[in-house]
All heavy atoms as atom14 arrays in JSON, in Angstrom:
{
  "sequence": "SADVLINHPDIELSFYQSNHEGEILDKIHGARGEFDGIIINAGAYTHY",
  "atom14_mask": [
    [1, 1, 1, 1, 1, 1, 0, 0, 0, 0, 0, 0, 0, 0],
    [1, 1, 1, 1, 1, 0, 0, 0, 0, 0, 0, 0, 0, 0],
    [1, 1, 1, 1, 1, 1, 1, 1, 0, 0, 0, 0, 0, 0],
    [1, 1, 1, 1, 1, 1, 1, 0, 0, 0, 0, 0, 0, 0],
    [1, 1, 1, 1, 1, 1, 1, 1, 0, 0, 0, 0, 0, 0],
    [1, 1, 1, 1, 1, 1, 1, 1, 0, 0, 0, 0, 0, 0],
    [1, 1, 1, 1, 1, 1, 1, 1, 0, 0, 0, 0, 0, 0],
    [1, 1, 1, 1, 1, 1, 1, 1, 1, 1, 0, 0, 0, 0],
    [1, 1, 1, 1, 1, 1, 1, 0, 0, 0, 0, 0, 0, 0],
    [1, 1, 1, 1, 1, 1, 1, 1, 0, 0, 0, 0, 0, 0],
    [1, 1, 1, 1, 1, 1, 1, 1, 0, 0, 0, 0, 0, 0],
    [1, 1, 1, 1, 1, 1, 1, 1, 1, 0, 0, 0, 0, 0],
    [1, 1, 1, 1, 1, 1, 1, 1, 0, 0, 0, 0, 0, 0],
    [1, 1, 1, 1, 1, 1, 0, 0, 0, 0, 0, 0, 0, 0],
    [1, 1, 1, 1, 1, 1, 1, 1, 1, 1, 1, 0, 0, 0],
    [1, 1, 1, 1, 1, 1, 1, 1, 1, 1, 1, 1, 0, 0],
    [1, 1, 1, 1, 1, 1, 1, 1, 1, 0, 0, 0, 0, 0],
    [1, 1, 1, 1, 1, 1, 0, 0, 0, 0, 0, 0, 0, 0],
    [1, 1, 1, 1, 1, 1, 1, 1, 0, 0, 0, 0, 0, 0],
    [1, 1, 1, 1, 1, 1, 1, 1, 1, 1, 0, 0, 0, 0],
    [1, 1, 1, 1, 1, 1, 1, 1, 1, 0, 0, 0, 0, 0],
    [1, 1, 1, 1, 0, 0, 0, 0, 0, 0, 0, 0, 0, 0],
    [1, 1, 1, 1, 1, 1, 1, 1, 1, 0, 0, 0, 0, 0],
    [1, 1, 1, 1, 1, 1, 1, 1, 0, 0, 0, 0, 0, 0],
    [1, 1, 1, 1, 1, 1, 1, 1, 0, 0, 0, 0, 0, 0],
    [1, 1, 1, 1, 1, 1, 1, 1, 0, 0, 0, 0, 0, 0],
    [1, 1, 1, 1, 1, 1, 1, 1, 1, 0, 0, 0, 0, 0],
    [1, 1, 1, 1, 1, 1, 1, 1, 0, 0, 0, 0, 0, 0],
    [1, 1, 1, 1, 1, 1, 1, 1, 1, 1, 0, 0, 0, 0],
    [1, 1, 1, 1, 0, 0, 0, 0, 0, 0, 0, 0, 0, 0],
    [1, 1, 1, 1, 1, 0, 0, 0, 0, 0, 0, 0, 0, 0],
    [1, 1, 1, 1, 1, 1, 1, 1, 1, 1, 1, 0, 0, 0],
    [1, 1, 1, 1, 0, 0, 0, 0, 0, 0, 0, 0, 0, 0],
    [1, 1, 1, 1, 1, 1, 1, 1, 1, 0, 0, 0, 0, 0],
    [1, 1, 1, 1, 1, 1, 1, 1, 1, 1, 1, 0, 0, 0],
    [1, 1, 1, 1, 1, 1, 1, 1, 0, 0, 0, 0, 0, 0],
    [1, 1, 1, 1, 0, 0, 0, 0, 0, 0, 0, 0, 0, 0],
    [1, 1, 1, 1, 1, 1, 1, 1, 0, 0, 0, 0, 0, 0],
    [1, 1, 1, 1, 1, 1, 1, 1, 0, 0, 0, 0, 0, 0],
    [1, 1, 1, 1, 1, 1, 1, 1, 0, 0, 0, 0, 0, 0],
    [1, 1, 1, 1, 1, 1, 1, 1, 0, 0, 0, 0, 0, 0],
    [1, 1, 1, 1, 1, 0, 0, 0, 0, 0, 0, 0, 0, 0],
    [1, 1, 1, 1, 0, 0, 0, 0, 0, 0, 0, 0, 0, 0],
    [1, 1, 1, 1, 1, 0, 0, 0, 0, 0, 0, 0, 0, 0],
    [1, 1, 1, 1, 1, 1, 1, 1, 1, 1, 1, 1, 0, 0],
    [1, 1, 1, 1, 1, 1, 1, 0, 0, 0, 0, 0, 0, 0],
    [1, 1, 1, 1, 1, 1, 1, 1, 1, 1, 0, 0, 0, 0],
    [1, 1, 1, 1, 1, 1, 1, 1, 1, 1, 1, 1, 0, 0]
  ],
  "atom14_positions": [
    [[-1.82, -25.2, 52.43], [-3.2, -24.74, 52.37], [-3.9, -25.63, 51.42], [-5.11, -26.05, 51.65], [-3.33, -23.18, 51.99], [-2.83, -22.32, 52.92], [0.0, 0.0, 0.0], [0.0, 0.0, 0.0], [0.0, 0.0, 0.0], [0.0, 0.0, 0.0], [0.0, 0.0, 0.0], [0.0, 0.0, 0.0], [0.0, 0.0, 0.0], [0.0, 0.0, 0.0]],
    [[-3.31, -25.77, 50.1], [-4.02, -26.69, 49.24], [-4.14, -28.07, 49.69], [-5.23, -28.72, 49.51], [-3.3, -26.64, 47.85], [0.0, 0.0, 0.0], [0.0, 0.0, 0.0], [0.0, 0.0, 0.0], [0.0, 0.0, 0.0], [0.0, 0.0, 0.0], [0.0, 0.0, 0.0], [0.0, 0.0, 0.0], [0.0, 0.0, 0.0], [0.0, 0.0, 0.0]],
    [[-3.14, -28.64, 50.3], [-3.21, -30.01, 50.82], [-4.17, -30.05, 51.9], [-5.06, -31.19, 51.88], [-1.78, -30.38, 51.36], [-1.75, -31.81, 51.82], [-1.77, -32.76, 50.94], [-1.77, -32.06, 52.97], [0.0, 0.0, 0.0], [0.0, 0.0, 0.0], [0.0, 0.0, 0.0], [0.0, 0.0, 0.0], [0.0, 0.0, 0.0], [0.0, 0.0, 0.0]],
    [[-4.42, -29.1, 52.7], [-5.4, -29.18, 53.91], [-6.68, -29.19, 53.25], [-7.66, -29.96, 53.8], [-5.05, -28.04, 54.82], [-6.19, -27.83, 55.81], [-3.86, -28.49, 55.81], [0.0, 0.0, 0.0], [0.0, 0.0, 0.0], [0.0, 0.0, 0.0], [0.0, 0.0, 0.0], [0.0, 0.0, 0.0], [0.0, 0.0, 0.0], [0.0, 0.0, 0.0]],
    [[-6.98, -28.36, 52.21], [-8.3, -28.23, 51.7], [-8.72, -29.66, 51.15], [-9.81, -29.94, 51.32], [-8.33, -27.37, 50.44], [-8.55, -25.87, 50.94], [-8.42, -24.87, 49.62], [-9.77, -25.57, 51.56], [0.0, 0.0, 0.0], [0.0, 0.0, 0.0], [0.0, 0.0, 0.0], [0.0, 0.0, 0.0], [0.0, 0.0, 0.0], [0.0, 0.0, 0.0]],
    [[-7.89, -30.36, 50.59], [-8.13, -31.63, 50.01], [-8.14, -32.73, 51.08], [-9.13, -33.45, 51.03], [-7.03, -32.12, 48.99], [-7.14, -31.26, 47.82], [-7.11, -33.57, 48.57], [-5.88, -31.35, 46.84], [0.0, 0.0, 0.0], [0.0, 0.0, 0.0], [0.0, 0.0, 0.0], [0.0, 0.0, 0.0], [0.0, 0.0, 0.0], [0.0, 0.0, 0.0]],
    [[-7.18, -32.86, 52.0], [-7.17, -34.01, 52.99], [-7.78, -33.66, 54.31], [-8.1, -34.71, 55.01], [-5.64, -34.28, 53.12], [-5.14, -34.85, 51.8], [-5.62, -35.84, 51.32], [-4.06, -34.25, 51.31], [0.0, 0.0, 0.0], [0.0, 0.0, 0.0], [0.0, 0.0, 0.0], [0.0, 0.0, 0.0], [0.0, 0.0, 0.0], [0.0, 0.0, 0.0]],
    [[-7.97, -32.38, 54.72], [-8.41, -31.95, 56.03], [-9.28, -30.8, 55.94], [-8.9, -29.81, 56.41], [-7.29, -31.88, 56.93], [-6.49, -33.03, 57.27], [-7.04, -34.22, 58.12], [-5.16, -33.39, 56.96], [-6.03, -35.06, 58.18], [-5.1, -34.68, 57.46], [0.0, 0.0, 0.0], [0.0, 0.0, 0.0], [0.0, 0.0, 0.0], [0.0, 0.0, 0.0]],
    [[-10.45, -30.83, 55.17], [-11.21, -29.57, 55.05], [-11.67, -29.09, 56.43], [-12.17, -28.0, 56.35], [-12.34, -30.04, 54.15], [-12.39, -31.56, 54.2], [-11.0, -31.98, 54.6], [0.0, 0.0, 0.0], [0.0, 0.0, 0.0], [0.0, 0.0, 0.0], [0.0, 0.0, 0.0], [0.0, 0.0, 0.0], [0.0, 0.0, 0.0], [0.0, 0.0, 0.0]],
    [[-11.7, -29.92, 57.4], [-12.05, -29.27, 58.75], [-10.93, -28.56, 59.44], [-11.22, -28.09, 60.57], [-12.52, -30.46, 59.69], [-11.51, -31.59, 59.71], [-10.67, -31.78, 58.79], [-11.39, -32.27, 60.74], [0.0, 0.0, 0.0], [0.0, 0.0, 0.0], [0.0, 0.0, 0.0], [0.0, 0.0, 0.0], [0.0, 0.0, 0.0], [0.0, 0.0, 0.0]],
    [[-9.73, -28.47, 58.91], [-8.67, -27.79, 59.54], [-8.61, -26.36, 58.74], [-8.47, -26.19, 57.54], [-7.38, -28.67, 59.41], [-7.42, -29.76, 60.3], [-6.1, -27.67, 59.81], [-6.29, -30.66, 60.12], [0.0, 0.0, 0.0], [0.0, 0.0, 0.0], [0.0, 0.0, 0.0], [0.0, 0.0, 0.0], [0.0, 0.0, 0.0], [0.0, 0.0, 0.0]],
    [[-8.39, -25.38, 59.68], [-8.01, -24.05, 59.14], [-6.59, -23.68, 59.62], [-6.23, -23.71, 60.76], [-8.96, -23.0, 59.8], [-8.82, -21.63, 59.42], [-9.75, -20.6, 60.26], [-10.91, -21.09, 60.52], [-9.18, -19.54, 60.45], [0.0, 0.0, 0.0], [0.0, 0.0, 0.0], [0.0, 0.0, 0.0], [0.0, 0.0, 0.0], [0.0, 0.0, 0.0]],
    [[-5.8, -23.34, 58.61], [-4.41, -22.89, 58.94], [-4.28, -21.44, 58.9], [-4.81, -20.67, 58.08], [-3.54, -23.5, 57.8], [-3.39, -24.95, 57.72], [-2.45, -25.31, 56.49], [-2.9, -25.54, 58.91], [0.0, 0.0, 0.0], [0.0, 0.0, 0.0], [0.0, 0.0, 0.0], [0.0, 0.0, 0.0], [0.0, 0.0, 0.0], [0.0, 0.0, 0.0]],
    [[-3.4, -20.95, 59.85], [-3.08, -19.49, 59.77], [-1.48, -19.42, 59.8], [-1.03, -20.29, 60.59], [-3.56, -18.73, 61.0], [-4.87, -18.7, 61.0], [0.0, 0.0, 0.0], [0.0, 0.0, 0.0], [0.0, 0.0, 0.0], [0.0, 0.0, 0.0], [0.0, 0.0, 0.0], [0.0, 0.0, 0.0], [0.0, 0.0, 0.0], [0.0, 0.0, 0.0]],
    [[-0.92, -18.51, 59.12], [0.48, -18.56, 58.97], [1.03, -17.15, 59.48], [0.42, -16.15, 59.39], [0.86, -18.52, 57.52], [0.37, -19.86, 56.8], [-0.75, -19.82, 55.94], [1.22, -21.02, 56.9], [-1.17, -20.98, 55.51], [0.79, -22.15, 56.27], [-0.35, -22.13, 55.65], [0.0, 0.0, 0.0], [0.0, 0.0, 0.0], [0.0, 0.0, 0.0]],
    [[2.18, -17.47, 60.09], [2.8, -16.09, 60.7], [4.31, -16.32, 60.61], [4.92, -17.35, 60.81], [2.43, -15.97, 62.19], [3.05, -14.81, 62.89], [2.64, -13.42, 62.71], [4.07, -14.87, 63.7], [3.19, -12.31, 63.3], [4.65, -13.77, 64.34], [4.3, -12.49, 64.04], [4.76, -11.37, 64.67], [0.0, 0.0, 0.0], [0.0, 0.0, 0.0]],
    [[5.13, -15.19, 60.24], [6.45, -15.19, 60.07], [6.98, -14.02, 60.79], [6.52, -12.88, 60.49], [7.08, -15.4, 58.74], [8.53, -15.62, 58.65], [9.44, -14.33, 58.67], [8.93, -13.31, 58.25], [10.56, -14.5, 59.3], [0.0, 0.0, 0.0], [0.0, 0.0, 0.0], [0.0, 0.0, 0.0], [0.0, 0.0, 0.0], [0.0, 0.0, 0.0]],
    [[8.12, -14.04, 61.57], [8.73, -12.8, 62.1], [10.19, -13.11, 62.34], [10.52, -14.37, 62.75], [8.02, -12.35, 63.34], [8.74, -11.17, 63.92], [0.0, 0.0, 0.0], [0.0, 0.0, 0.0], [0.0, 0.0, 0.0], [0.0, 0.0, 0.0], [0.0, 0.0, 0.0], [0.0, 0.0, 0.0], [0.0, 0.0, 0.0], [0.0, 0.0, 0.0]],
    [[11.06, -12.26, 62.14], [12.37, -12.19, 62.48], [12.78, -11.75, 63.95], [13.85, -11.59, 64.32], [13.16, -11.36, 61.48], [13.19, -12.03, 60.21], [13.27, -13.22, 59.91], [12.89, -11.17, 59.08], [0.0, 0.0, 0.0], [0.0, 0.0, 0.0], [0.0, 0.0, 0.0], [0.0, 0.0, 0.0], [0.0, 0.0, 0.0], [0.0, 0.0, 0.0]],
    [[11.57, -11.35, 64.6], [11.67, -10.78, 65.98], [11.22, -11.7, 67.1], [10.0, -12.03, 67.1], [11.06, -9.46, 66.07], [11.49, -8.47, 64.83], [12.66, -7.81, 64.97], [11.05, -8.21, 63.83], [12.9, -7.14, 63.89], [11.89, -7.36, 62.94], [0.0, 0.0, 0.0], [0.0, 0.0, 0.0], [0.0, 0.0, 0.0], [0.0, 0.0, 0.0]],
    [[11.96, -12.02, 68.08], [11.74, -12.92, 69.03], [10.61, -12.45, 69.97], [9.56, -13.33, 70.16], [13.01, -13.09, 69.98], [12.71, -14.27, 71.19], [13.98, -14.38, 71.9], [14.76, -13.42, 72.08], [14.09, -15.58, 72.5], [0.0, 0.0, 0.0], [0.0, 0.0, 0.0], [0.0, 0.0, 0.0], [0.0, 0.0, 0.0], [0.0, 0.0, 0.0]],
    [[10.42, -11.1, 70.19], [9.32, -10.68, 71.05], [7.94, -10.83, 70.35], [7.01, -11.1, 70.99], [0.0, 0.0, 0.0], [0.0, 0.0, 0.0], [0.0, 0.0, 0.0], [0.0, 0.0, 0.0], [0.0, 0.0, 0.0], [0.0, 0.0, 0.0], [0.0, 0.0, 0.0], [0.0, 0.0, 0.0], [0.0, 0.0, 0.0], [0.0, 0.0, 0.0]],
    [[8.04, -10.55, 69.04], [6.74, -10.63, 68.18], [6.32, -12.09, 68.18], [5.07, -12.43, 68.24], [7.02, -10.16, 66.73], [7.21, -8.69, 66.81], [7.49, -8.08, 65.35], [7.45, -8.9, 64.36], [7.7, -6.87, 65.29], [0.0, 0.0, 0.0], [0.0, 0.0, 0.0], [0.0, 0.0, 0.0], [0.0, 0.0, 0.0], [0.0, 0.0, 0.0]],
    [[7.25, -13.19, 68.06], [6.96, -14.5, 67.95], [6.3, -14.9, 69.35], [5.37, -15.58, 69.5], [8.09, -15.44, 67.65], [8.49, -15.03, 66.3], [7.82, -16.9, 67.92], [9.88, -15.79, 65.82], [0.0, 0.0, 0.0], [0.0, 0.0, 0.0], [0.0, 0.0, 0.0], [0.0, 0.0, 0.0], [0.0, 0.0, 0.0], [0.0, 0.0, 0.0]],
    [[6.88, -14.33, 70.56], [6.44, -14.59, 71.8], [4.94, -14.04, 71.92], [4.16, -14.87, 72.48], [7.24, -13.92, 72.86], [8.56, -14.51, 73.15], [9.47, -13.57, 73.93], [8.57, -15.83, 73.81], [0.0, 0.0, 0.0], [0.0, 0.0, 0.0], [0.0, 0.0, 0.0], [0.0, 0.0, 0.0], [0.0, 0.0, 0.0], [0.0, 0.0, 0.0]],
    [[4.75, -12.86, 71.55], [3.34, -12.36, 71.55], [2.34, -13.19, 70.7], [1.24, -13.41, 71.13], [3.35, -10.87, 70.95], [3.93, -9.91, 71.96], [4.21, -10.23, 73.05], [4.43, -8.82, 71.32], [0.0, 0.0, 0.0], [0.0, 0.0, 0.0], [0.0, 0.0, 0.0], [0.0, 0.0, 0.0], [0.0, 0.0, 0.0], [0.0, 0.0, 0.0]],
    [[2.76, -13.68, 69.64], [1.92, -14.55, 68.83], [1.63, -15.8, 69.59], [0.41, -16.29, 69.53], [2.53, -14.82, 67.43], [1.65, -15.39, 66.43], [0.58, -14.33, 65.96], [-0.24, -14.73, 64.87], [-1.22, -13.72, 64.56], [0.0, 0.0, 0.0], [0.0, 0.0, 0.0], [0.0, 0.0, 0.0], [0.0, 0.0, 0.0], [0.0, 0.0, 0.0]],
    [[2.58, -16.46, 70.28], [2.43, -17.71, 70.97], [1.35, -17.47, 72.09], [0.5, -18.08, 72.21], [3.65, -18.25, 71.53], [4.53, -18.81, 70.29], [3.49, -19.35, 72.51], [6.04, -19.22, 70.73], [0.0, 0.0, 0.0], [0.0, 0.0, 0.0], [0.0, 0.0, 0.0], [0.0, 0.0, 0.0], [0.0, 0.0, 0.0], [0.0, 0.0, 0.0]],
    [[1.61, -16.28, 72.77], [0.65, -16.02, 73.84], [-0.67, -15.77, 73.39], [-1.59, -16.22, 74.09], [1.15, -14.68, 74.56], [2.49, -14.74, 75.42], [3.21, -13.63, 75.91], [3.19, -15.87, 75.67], [4.23, -14.16, 76.48], [4.35, -15.36, 76.27], [0.0, 0.0, 0.0], [0.0, 0.0, 0.0], [0.0, 0.0, 0.0], [0.0, 0.0, 0.0]],
    [[-0.89, -15.12, 72.34], [-2.2, -14.83, 71.76], [-2.91, -15.94, 71.18], [-4.07, -15.9, 70.86], [0.0, 0.0, 0.0], [0.0, 0.0, 0.0], [0.0, 0.0, 0.0], [0.0, 0.0, 0.0], [0.0, 0.0, 0.0], [0.0, 0.0, 0.0], [0.0, 0.0, 0.0], [0.0, 0.0, 0.0], [0.0, 0.0, 0.0], [0.0, 0.0, 0.0]],
    [[-2.17, -17.12, 70.96], [-2.8, -18.29, 70.49], [-3.73, -18.9, 71.37], [-4.68, -19.64, 70.89], [-1.69, -19.32, 69.89], [0.0, 0.0, 0.0], [0.0, 0.0, 0.0], [0.0, 0.0, 0.0], [0.0, 0.0, 0.0], [0.0, 0.0, 0.0], [0.0, 0.0, 0.0], [0.0, 0.0, 0.0], [0.0, 0.0, 0.0], [0.0, 0.0, 0.0]],
    [[-3.7, -18.75, 72.72], [-4.52, -19.28, 73.61], [-5.92, -19.0, 73.38], [-6.17, -17.82, 73.25], [-4.16, -18.98, 75.04], [-2.75, -19.6, 75.49], [-2.31, -18.99, 76.83], [-2.18, -17.48, 76.75], [-2.71, -16.61, 77.7], [-3.23, -17.13, 78.7], [-2.52, -15.44, 77.51], [0.0, 0.0, 0.0], [0.0, 0.0, 0.0], [0.0, 0.0, 0.0]],
    [[-6.93, -19.89, 73.34], [-8.25, -19.64, 73.09], [-8.6, -19.43, 71.61], [-9.85, -19.37, 71.28], [0.0, 0.0, 0.0], [0.0, 0.0, 0.0], [0.0, 0.0, 0.0], [0.0, 0.0, 0.0], [0.0, 0.0, 0.0], [0.0, 0.0, 0.0], [0.0, 0.0, 0.0], [0.0, 0.0, 0.0], [0.0, 0.0, 0.0], [0.0, 0.0, 0.0]],
    [[-7.66, -19.22, 70.76], [-7.89, -19.01, 69.38], [-7.47, -20.23, 68.52], [-8.2, -20.44, 67.55], [-7.18, -17.78, 68.84], [-7.46, -17.32, 67.48], [-6.69, -16.08, 66.97], [-6.16, -15.38, 67.76], [-6.87, -15.96, 65.72], [0.0, 0.0, 0.0], [0.0, 0.0, 0.0], [0.0, 0.0, 0.0], [0.0, 0.0, 0.0], [0.0, 0.0, 0.0]],
    [[-6.51, -21.0, 68.91], [-6.01, -22.05, 68.03], [-6.02, -23.21, 68.96], [-5.97, -23.29, 70.17], [-4.64, -21.78, 67.59], [-4.6, -20.59, 66.57], [-4.33, -19.31, 67.01], [-4.82, -20.81, 65.28], [-4.15, -18.33, 66.14], [-4.8, -19.83, 64.36], [-4.51, -18.65, 64.82], [0.0, 0.0, 0.0], [0.0, 0.0, 0.0], [0.0, 0.0, 0.0]],
    [[-6.12, -24.48, 68.25], [-6.08, -25.74, 68.85], [-4.68, -26.34, 68.91], [-4.47, -27.38, 69.58], [-7.05, -26.78, 68.08], [-8.32, -26.27, 67.93], [-9.1, -26.11, 69.11], [-8.97, -25.93, 67.02], [0.0, 0.0, 0.0], [0.0, 0.0, 0.0], [0.0, 0.0, 0.0], [0.0, 0.0, 0.0], [0.0, 0.0, 0.0], [0.0, 0.0, 0.0]],
    [[-3.75, -25.87, 68.17], [-2.42, -26.23, 68.15], [-1.56, -25.29, 67.3], [-1.83, -24.57, 66.58], [0.0, 0.0, 0.0], [0.0, 0.0, 0.0], [0.0, 0.0, 0.0], [0.0, 0.0, 0.0], [0.0, 0.0, 0.0], [0.0, 0.0, 0.0], [0.0, 0.0, 0.0], [0.0, 0.0, 0.0], [0.0, 0.0, 0.0], [0.0, 0.0, 0.0]],
    [[-0.13, -25.58, 67.54], [0.86, -24.75, 66.8], [1.8, -25.53, 66.29], [2.27, -26.59, 66.86], [1.39, -23.75, 67.87], [0.46, -22.73, 68.47], [2.62, -22.96, 67.21], [1.01, -21.8, 69.5], [0.0, 0.0, 0.0], [0.0, 0.0, 0.0], [0.0, 0.0, 0.0], [0.0, 0.0, 0.0], [0.0, 0.0, 0.0], [0.0, 0.0, 0.0]],
    [[2.27, -25.26, 65.11], [3.46, -25.79, 64.52], [4.53, -24.64, 64.37], [4.25, -23.61, 63.9], [3.14, -26.31, 63.07], [2.12, -27.5, 63.15], [4.54, -26.79, 62.33], [1.59, -27.92, 61.96], [0.0, 0.0, 0.0], [0.0, 0.0, 0.0], [0.0, 0.0, 0.0], [0.0, 0.0, 0.0], [0.0, 0.0, 0.0], [0.0, 0.0, 0.0]],
    [[5.52, -24.91, 64.86], [6.66, -23.86, 64.92], [8.07, -24.24, 64.29], [8.58, -25.27, 64.66], [6.84, -23.22, 66.33], [7.87, -22.02, 66.33], [7.45, -24.27, 67.26], [7.84, -21.24, 67.57], [0.0, 0.0, 0.0], [0.0, 0.0, 0.0], [0.0, 0.0, 0.0], [0.0, 0.0, 0.0], [0.0, 0.0, 0.0], [0.0, 0.0, 0.0]],
    [[8.52, -23.39, 63.39], [9.86, -23.48, 63.0], [10.6, -22.34, 63.43], [10.4, -21.26, 62.94], [9.97, -23.68, 61.39], [11.36, -23.78, 60.96], [12.35, -23.54, 61.64], [11.56, -24.24, 59.7], [0.0, 0.0, 0.0], [0.0, 0.0, 0.0], [0.0, 0.0, 0.0], [0.0, 0.0, 0.0], [0.0, 0.0, 0.0], [0.0, 0.0, 0.0]],
    [[11.16, -22.39, 64.62], [11.74, -21.19, 65.31], [13.19, -20.84, 64.68], [13.73, -19.96, 65.24], [11.79, -21.67, 66.7], [0.0, 0.0, 0.0], [0.0, 0.0, 0.0], [0.0, 0.0, 0.0], [0.0, 0.0, 0.0], [0.0, 0.0, 0.0], [0.0, 0.0, 0.0], [0.0, 0.0, 0.0], [0.0, 0.0, 0.0], [0.0, 0.0, 0.0]],
    [[13.55, -21.56, 63.68], [14.82, -21.1, 63.06], [15.87, -21.21, 64.13], [15.87, -22.09, 65.06], [0.0, 0.0, 0.0], [0.0, 0.0, 0.0], [0.0, 0.0, 0.0], [0.0, 0.0, 0.0], [0.0, 0.0, 0.0], [0.0, 0.0, 0.0], [0.0, 0.0, 0.0], [0.0, 0.0, 0.0], [0.0, 0.0, 0.0], [0.0, 0.0, 0.0]],
    [[16.83, -20.33, 64.13], [17.91, -20.28, 65.06], [17.48, -20.19, 66.57], [18.27, -20.57, 67.4], [19.03, -19.15, 64.75], [0.0, 0.0, 0.0], [0.0, 0.0, 0.0], [0.0, 0.0, 0.0], [0.0, 0.0, 0.0], [0.0, 0.0, 0.0], [0.0, 0.0, 0.0], [0.0, 0.0, 0.0], [0.0, 0.0, 0.0], [0.0, 0.0, 0.0]],
    [[16.36, -19.55, 66.76], [15.94, -19.38, 68.19], [15.76, -20.88, 68.76], [15.7, -20.84, 70.06], [14.52, -18.66, 68.2], [14.59, -17.31, 67.81], [13.56, -16.63, 67.11], [15.57, -16.41, 68.33], [13.7, -15.36, 66.76], [15.66, -15.09, 68.12], [14.74, -14.58, 67.25], [14.77, -13.28, 66.86], [0.0, 0.0, 0.0], [0.0, 0.0, 0.0]],
    [[15.54, -21.92, 68.01], [15.47, -23.22, 68.47], [16.62, -23.54, 69.46], [16.27, -24.3, 70.46], [15.52, -24.19, 67.3], [14.39, -23.91, 66.49], [15.54, -25.64, 67.65], [0.0, 0.0, 0.0], [0.0, 0.0, 0.0], [0.0, 0.0, 0.0], [0.0, 0.0, 0.0], [0.0, 0.0, 0.0], [0.0, 0.0, 0.0], [0.0, 0.0, 0.0]],
    [[17.58, -23.11, 69.19], [18.91, -23.5, 69.81], [19.32, -22.78, 71.11], [20.19, -23.24, 71.86], [20.12, -23.59, 68.88], [19.79, -24.14, 67.61], [19.35, -25.4, 67.39], [19.55, -23.47, 66.4], [19.12, -25.69, 66.13], [19.2, -24.51, 65.48], [0.0, 0.0, 0.0], [0.0, 0.0, 0.0], [0.0, 0.0, 0.0], [0.0, 0.0, 0.0]],
    [[18.52, -21.52, 71.41], [18.92, -20.85, 72.44], [17.88, -19.93, 73.18], [18.04, -19.3, 74.27], [20.04, -19.89, 72.22], [19.77, -18.89, 71.21], [19.31, -17.62, 71.5], [20.01, -19.07, 69.94], [19.1, -16.59, 70.66], [19.72, -18.13, 68.85], [19.27, -16.99, 69.35], [18.96, -15.98, 68.42], [0.0, 0.0, 0.0], [0.0, 0.0, 0.0]]
  ]
}
């Protein structure tokens, strides 16, 4: 957040963390029309 304020003041970041796959799915689905892009660290879900 601090880095973006300095280097990209035109970018707004939102953060989300969940240990539940279904909640992450819902967040991804809900991003349409609200966000311009997603960065995801899916942890162990990455692999399966």
